[in-house]
Amino acid sequence: MKKIYHLSTCDTTQNILKEVEAVKKSADLQDIKTEKITPAQLDEMKKLAGSYEALFSRRALKYRSMGLNEKKLTEKDYRNLILEEYTFLKRPVAIVNNKIFIGNTKAVVAELKKAL
C-alpha cells in the first residue's frame, strides 16, 4: 500500500510529491482539505507513528490563535484536533508498506523517496 495524505494548496507538500515522484510510482493521494481524514485512517496512522502527538503540527496557524500553545494537550486532544481541523496534521504523511513517513524534513523526504 502506498498512501500519501497531503494538502494541494501547500507548495512545500506539492514540491515533495514531485520530488518523490508519487504520481509516477502510483501512490494513492488524498488531499486532506477536500477529502477529510476519517477516524479509522487517523487511528491507523497513530498505530504506525506511536502517538497522535507525532502526527500533530504545532506550526498550524490555529495552534497559537486557539491558545493551544498555553495548554497541556492529551493524546485524546491531539486526535480530536486533527479530526476537527485538517491543518493540524503534519504534512505530508505517507504510508508505504506499513511504514510511516511524517513531515517534510530532508531526512524524511529522502527515506520516503527510497521507500517508494
N, C-alpha and C. Protein backbone atom coordinates (compact mmCIF):
# COMPACT_ATOMS: atom_id res chain seq x y z
N MET A 1 0.83 -1.18 0.00
CA MET A 1 0.00 0.00 0.00
C MET A 1 0.88 1.25 0.00
N LYS A 2 0.54 2.19 -0.85
CA LYS A 2 1.23 3.48 -0.91
C LYS A 2 0.17 4.57 -0.83
N LYS A 3 0.10 5.23 0.31
CA LYS A 3 -0.92 6.27 0.52
C LYS A 3 -0.23 7.51 1.06
N ILE A 4 -0.56 8.66 0.47
CA ILE A 4 0.02 9.92 0.93
C ILE A 4 -1.09 10.91 1.21
N TYR A 5 -1.10 11.41 2.44
CA TYR A 5 -2.04 12.44 2.86
C TYR A 5 -1.33 13.77 2.69
N HIS A 6 -1.92 14.66 1.91
CA HIS A 6 -1.26 15.92 1.58
C HIS A 6 -2.28 17.05 1.52
N LEU A 7 -1.78 18.24 1.25
CA LEU A 7 -2.62 19.41 1.09
C LEU A 7 -2.26 20.04 -0.25
N SER A 8 -3.22 20.09 -1.15
CA SER A 8 -2.95 20.57 -2.51
C SER A 8 -2.61 22.06 -2.55
N THR A 9 -2.99 22.80 -1.52
CA THR A 9 -2.70 24.23 -1.50
C THR A 9 -1.37 24.57 -0.83
N CYS A 10 -0.64 23.56 -0.41
CA CYS A 10 0.65 23.76 0.27
C CYS A 10 1.79 23.53 -0.73
N ASP A 11 2.52 24.58 -1.05
CA ASP A 11 3.61 24.48 -2.03
C ASP A 11 4.69 23.48 -1.59
N THR A 12 5.02 23.49 -0.31
CA THR A 12 6.05 22.57 0.19
C THR A 12 5.64 21.13 -0.06
N THR A 13 4.41 20.81 0.27
CA THR A 13 3.92 19.44 0.08
C THR A 13 3.91 19.07 -1.40
N GLN A 14 3.48 19.99 -2.24
CA GLN A 14 3.45 19.71 -3.68
C GLN A 14 4.85 19.48 -4.24
N ASN A 15 5.82 20.25 -3.77
CA ASN A 15 7.21 20.05 -4.20
C ASN A 15 7.74 18.69 -3.77
N ILE A 16 7.38 18.26 -2.58
CA ILE A 16 7.80 16.95 -2.09
C ILE A 16 7.18 15.84 -2.94
N LEU A 17 5.90 15.97 -3.27
CA LEU A 17 5.24 14.96 -4.11
C LEU A 17 5.94 14.84 -5.46
N LYS A 18 6.35 15.98 -6.03
CA LYS A 18 7.10 15.94 -7.30
C LYS A 18 8.45 15.29 -7.12
N GLU A 19 9.15 15.66 -6.03
CA GLU A 19 10.50 15.13 -5.78
C GLU A 19 10.50 13.61 -5.62
N VAL A 20 9.53 13.10 -4.90
CA VAL A 20 9.49 11.65 -4.67
C VAL A 20 8.77 10.90 -5.79
N GLU A 21 8.29 11.66 -6.77
CA GLU A 21 7.59 11.10 -7.93
C GLU A 21 6.42 10.22 -7.51
N ALA A 22 5.61 10.74 -6.60
CA ALA A 22 4.49 9.99 -6.05
C ALA A 22 3.50 9.54 -7.11
N VAL A 23 3.21 10.40 -8.08
CA VAL A 23 2.23 10.05 -9.11
C VAL A 23 2.78 8.95 -10.01
N LYS A 24 4.03 9.09 -10.43
CA LYS A 24 4.64 8.07 -11.29
C LYS A 24 4.70 6.72 -10.60
N LYS A 25 4.89 6.74 -9.31
CA LYS A 25 5.02 5.48 -8.55
C LYS A 25 3.68 5.02 -8.01
N SER A 26 2.63 5.53 -8.60
CA SER A 26 1.23 5.17 -8.31
C SER A 26 0.86 5.13 -6.83
N ALA A 27 1.25 6.17 -6.12
CA ALA A 27 0.80 6.30 -4.73
C ALA A 27 -0.62 6.86 -4.74
N ASP A 28 -1.42 6.40 -3.81
CA ASP A 28 -2.78 6.89 -3.66
C ASP A 28 -2.71 8.21 -2.88
N LEU A 29 -3.09 9.31 -3.53
CA LEU A 29 -3.01 10.63 -2.91
C LEU A 29 -4.36 11.04 -2.35
N GLN A 30 -4.36 11.57 -1.14
CA GLN A 30 -5.59 12.07 -0.54
C GLN A 30 -5.35 13.52 -0.09
N ASP A 31 -6.05 14.45 -0.74
CA ASP A 31 -5.99 15.85 -0.35
C ASP A 31 -6.87 16.02 0.88
N ILE A 32 -6.25 16.29 2.02
CA ILE A 32 -6.99 16.31 3.28
C ILE A 32 -7.92 17.51 3.42
N LYS A 33 -7.80 18.48 2.52
CA LYS A 33 -8.71 19.63 2.56
C LYS A 33 -10.05 19.26 1.91
N THR A 34 -10.00 18.52 0.82
CA THR A 34 -11.22 18.16 0.10
C THR A 34 -11.79 16.81 0.52
N GLU A 35 -10.94 15.93 1.03
CA GLU A 35 -11.37 14.61 1.49
C GLU A 35 -10.86 14.41 2.91
N LYS A 36 -11.74 14.69 3.87
CA LYS A 36 -11.34 14.66 5.28
C LYS A 36 -10.76 13.31 5.70
N ILE A 37 -9.87 13.39 6.67
CA ILE A 37 -9.31 12.18 7.26
C ILE A 37 -10.39 11.53 8.11
N THR A 38 -10.55 10.24 7.97
CA THR A 38 -11.54 9.52 8.78
C THR A 38 -10.89 9.12 10.11
N PRO A 39 -11.70 8.89 11.13
CA PRO A 39 -11.13 8.41 12.39
C PRO A 39 -10.33 7.12 12.21
N ALA A 40 -10.80 6.23 11.34
CA ALA A 40 -10.08 4.97 11.11
C ALA A 40 -8.71 5.23 10.47
N GLN A 41 -8.66 6.16 9.52
CA GLN A 41 -7.37 6.49 8.89
C GLN A 41 -6.41 7.08 9.92
N LEU A 42 -6.91 7.98 10.75
CA LEU A 42 -6.07 8.60 11.76
C LEU A 42 -5.58 7.57 12.77
N ASP A 43 -6.45 6.64 13.15
CA ASP A 43 -6.05 5.59 14.10
C ASP A 43 -4.98 4.69 13.49
N GLU A 44 -5.08 4.42 12.18
CA GLU A 44 -4.04 3.63 11.51
C GLU A 44 -2.71 4.38 11.53
N MET A 45 -2.75 5.68 11.26
CA MET A 45 -1.53 6.50 11.30
C MET A 45 -0.91 6.46 12.70
N LYS A 46 -1.76 6.58 13.72
CA LYS A 46 -1.28 6.59 15.10
C LYS A 46 -0.62 5.26 15.45
N LYS A 47 -1.21 4.18 14.98
CA LYS A 47 -0.66 2.86 15.25
C LYS A 47 0.76 2.75 14.70
N LEU A 48 0.98 3.30 13.52
CA LEU A 48 2.30 3.25 12.90
C LEU A 48 3.26 4.29 13.49
N ALA A 49 2.73 5.45 13.88
CA ALA A 49 3.57 6.53 14.38
C ALA A 49 3.87 6.41 15.88
N GLY A 50 2.99 5.71 16.60
CA GLY A 50 3.20 5.55 18.04
C GLY A 50 2.38 6.50 18.89
N SER A 51 2.00 7.65 18.33
CA SER A 51 1.18 8.60 19.09
C SER A 51 0.50 9.58 18.14
N TYR A 52 -0.55 10.19 18.64
CA TYR A 52 -1.22 11.25 17.86
C TYR A 52 -0.35 12.51 17.87
N GLU A 53 0.38 12.70 18.95
CA GLU A 53 1.25 13.88 19.06
C GLU A 53 2.29 13.90 17.94
N ALA A 54 2.79 12.74 17.55
CA ALA A 54 3.78 12.66 16.47
C ALA A 54 3.20 13.13 15.14
N LEU A 55 1.88 13.07 15.01
CA LEU A 55 1.20 13.49 13.78
C LEU A 55 0.72 14.93 13.83
N PHE A 56 0.84 15.56 14.99
CA PHE A 56 0.27 16.88 15.22
C PHE A 56 1.26 17.99 14.85
N SER A 57 0.77 18.98 14.12
CA SER A 57 1.61 20.11 13.71
C SER A 57 1.38 21.31 14.61
N ARG A 58 2.44 21.72 15.28
CA ARG A 58 2.37 22.93 16.10
C ARG A 58 2.61 24.18 15.26
N ARG A 59 2.91 24.00 13.98
CA ARG A 59 3.11 25.12 13.06
C ARG A 59 1.80 25.66 12.50
N ALA A 60 0.73 24.92 12.67
CA ALA A 60 -0.57 25.36 12.16
C ALA A 60 -0.92 26.72 12.75
N LEU A 61 -1.46 27.59 11.91
CA LEU A 61 -1.81 28.94 12.35
C LEU A 61 -2.78 28.94 13.52
N LYS A 62 -3.69 27.99 13.52
CA LYS A 62 -4.71 27.93 14.57
C LYS A 62 -4.14 27.48 15.93
N TYR A 63 -2.96 26.89 15.93
CA TYR A 63 -2.36 26.39 17.17
C TYR A 63 -2.22 27.52 18.18
N ARG A 64 -1.65 28.62 17.76
CA ARG A 64 -1.48 29.78 18.65
C ARG A 64 -2.78 30.56 18.80
N SER A 65 -3.50 30.75 17.70
CA SER A 65 -4.71 31.56 17.77
C SER A 65 -5.77 30.95 18.68
N MET A 66 -5.76 29.64 18.82
CA MET A 66 -6.70 28.96 19.71
C MET A 66 -6.15 28.85 21.14
N GLY A 67 -4.93 29.35 21.34
CA GLY A 67 -4.32 29.30 22.66
C GLY A 67 -3.84 27.93 23.07
N LEU A 68 -3.68 27.04 22.10
CA LEU A 68 -3.27 25.67 22.41
C LEU A 68 -1.84 25.59 22.92
N ASN A 69 -1.02 26.59 22.54
CA ASN A 69 0.36 26.62 23.00
C ASN A 69 0.47 26.84 24.50
N GLU A 70 -0.61 27.27 25.12
CA GLU A 70 -0.62 27.52 26.57
C GLU A 70 -1.29 26.39 27.34
N LYS A 71 -1.72 25.35 26.65
CA LYS A 71 -2.43 24.24 27.30
C LYS A 71 -1.58 22.97 27.24
N LYS A 72 -1.86 22.09 28.19
CA LYS A 72 -1.23 20.76 28.17
C LYS A 72 -2.22 19.84 27.47
N LEU A 73 -1.84 19.40 26.28
CA LEU A 73 -2.74 18.57 25.47
C LEU A 73 -2.50 17.09 25.72
N THR A 74 -3.59 16.32 25.69
CA THR A 74 -3.51 14.87 25.85
C THR A 74 -3.57 14.21 24.47
N GLU A 75 -3.35 12.93 24.42
CA GLU A 75 -3.47 12.18 23.16
C GLU A 75 -4.88 12.32 22.59
N LYS A 76 -5.88 12.30 23.47
CA LYS A 76 -7.26 12.45 23.02
C LYS A 76 -7.46 13.84 22.39
N ASP A 77 -6.85 14.86 23.00
CA ASP A 77 -6.93 16.22 22.46
C ASP A 77 -6.31 16.27 21.06
N TYR A 78 -5.11 15.69 20.92
CA TYR A 78 -4.44 15.70 19.61
C TYR A 78 -5.31 15.02 18.56
N ARG A 79 -5.88 13.88 18.91
CA ARG A 79 -6.73 13.14 17.97
C ARG A 79 -7.92 13.99 17.54
N ASN A 80 -8.63 14.56 18.51
CA ASN A 80 -9.81 15.35 18.21
C ASN A 80 -9.48 16.59 17.39
N LEU A 81 -8.38 17.25 17.71
CA LEU A 81 -7.99 18.45 16.98
C LEU A 81 -7.66 18.14 15.52
N ILE A 82 -6.95 17.04 15.28
CA ILE A 82 -6.60 16.65 13.91
C ILE A 82 -7.87 16.33 13.12
N LEU A 83 -8.80 15.63 13.75
CA LEU A 83 -10.05 15.28 13.06
C LEU A 83 -10.92 16.52 12.79
N GLU A 84 -10.89 17.49 13.69
CA GLU A 84 -11.69 18.70 13.52
C GLU A 84 -11.09 19.66 12.49
N GLU A 85 -9.77 19.78 12.47
CA GLU A 85 -9.10 20.78 11.64
C GLU A 85 -7.93 20.15 10.90
N TYR A 86 -8.06 20.01 9.58
CA TYR A 86 -7.05 19.32 8.77
C TYR A 86 -5.66 19.95 8.87
N THR A 87 -5.57 21.24 9.18
CA THR A 87 -4.25 21.89 9.22
C THR A 87 -3.40 21.42 10.40
N PHE A 88 -4.01 20.72 11.36
CA PHE A 88 -3.24 20.21 12.49
C PHE A 88 -2.47 18.93 12.16
N LEU A 89 -2.68 18.35 11.01
CA LEU A 89 -1.92 17.16 10.62
C LEU A 89 -0.61 17.60 9.99
N LYS A 90 0.50 17.06 10.50
CA LYS A 90 1.79 17.35 9.87
C LYS A 90 1.72 16.83 8.45
N ARG A 91 2.32 17.57 7.53
CA ARG A 91 2.22 17.16 6.13
C ARG A 91 3.58 17.10 5.48
N PRO A 92 3.68 16.21 4.51
CA PRO A 92 2.75 15.12 4.20
C PRO A 92 2.93 13.96 5.16
N VAL A 93 1.93 13.10 5.20
CA VAL A 93 2.04 11.83 5.91
C VAL A 93 1.91 10.76 4.84
N ALA A 94 2.92 9.90 4.76
CA ALA A 94 2.91 8.83 3.76
C ALA A 94 2.99 7.49 4.47
N ILE A 95 2.23 6.53 3.97
CA ILE A 95 2.30 5.16 4.47
C ILE A 95 2.68 4.29 3.28
N VAL A 96 3.82 3.65 3.40
CA VAL A 96 4.32 2.77 2.34
C VAL A 96 4.67 1.43 2.98
N ASN A 97 3.95 0.40 2.59
CA ASN A 97 4.19 -0.96 3.11
C ASN A 97 4.30 -0.99 4.64
N ASN A 98 3.31 -0.42 5.31
CA ASN A 98 3.22 -0.39 6.76
C ASN A 98 4.34 0.37 7.45
N LYS A 99 4.99 1.29 6.73
CA LYS A 99 5.98 2.18 7.33
C LYS A 99 5.46 3.60 7.11
N ILE A 100 5.56 4.42 8.16
CA ILE A 100 5.01 5.77 8.08
C ILE A 100 6.12 6.82 7.97
N PHE A 101 5.87 7.84 7.18
CA PHE A 101 6.79 8.95 6.99
C PHE A 101 6.00 10.22 7.28
N ILE A 102 6.46 10.99 8.27
CA ILE A 102 5.70 12.15 8.73
C ILE A 102 6.53 13.42 8.58
N GLY A 103 5.95 14.41 7.90
CA GLY A 103 6.58 15.71 7.82
C GLY A 103 7.43 15.93 6.59
N ASN A 104 8.14 17.06 6.60
CA ASN A 104 8.84 17.48 5.39
C ASN A 104 10.33 17.75 5.59
N THR A 105 10.93 17.14 6.61
CA THR A 105 12.37 17.32 6.78
C THR A 105 13.09 16.60 5.65
N LYS A 106 14.30 17.03 5.36
CA LYS A 106 15.07 16.41 4.27
C LYS A 106 15.28 14.92 4.51
N ALA A 107 15.54 14.54 5.74
CA ALA A 107 15.76 13.12 6.06
C ALA A 107 14.51 12.29 5.79
N VAL A 108 13.35 12.80 6.20
CA VAL A 108 12.09 12.08 5.99
C VAL A 108 11.79 11.96 4.50
N VAL A 109 11.99 13.05 3.76
CA VAL A 109 11.73 13.03 2.31
C VAL A 109 12.67 12.05 1.61
N ALA A 110 13.92 12.01 2.02
CA ALA A 110 14.90 11.07 1.43
C ALA A 110 14.49 9.62 1.70
N GLU A 111 14.04 9.34 2.92
CA GLU A 111 13.60 7.99 3.28
C GLU A 111 12.34 7.61 2.47
N LEU A 112 11.43 8.55 2.33
CA LEU A 112 10.20 8.30 1.58
C LEU A 112 10.54 8.00 0.12
N LYS A 113 11.46 8.76 -0.44
CA LYS A 113 11.86 8.57 -1.84
C LYS A 113 12.41 7.16 -2.05
N LYS A 114 13.22 6.69 -1.09
CA LYS A 114 13.77 5.33 -1.16
C LYS A 114 12.66 4.29 -1.07
N ALA A 115 11.73 4.50 -0.17
CA ALA A 115 10.66 3.53 0.09
C ALA A 115 9.72 3.40 -1.12
N LEU A 116 9.47 4.51 -1.80
CA LEU A 116 8.58 4.46 -2.96
C LEU A 116 9.28 3.78 -4.12
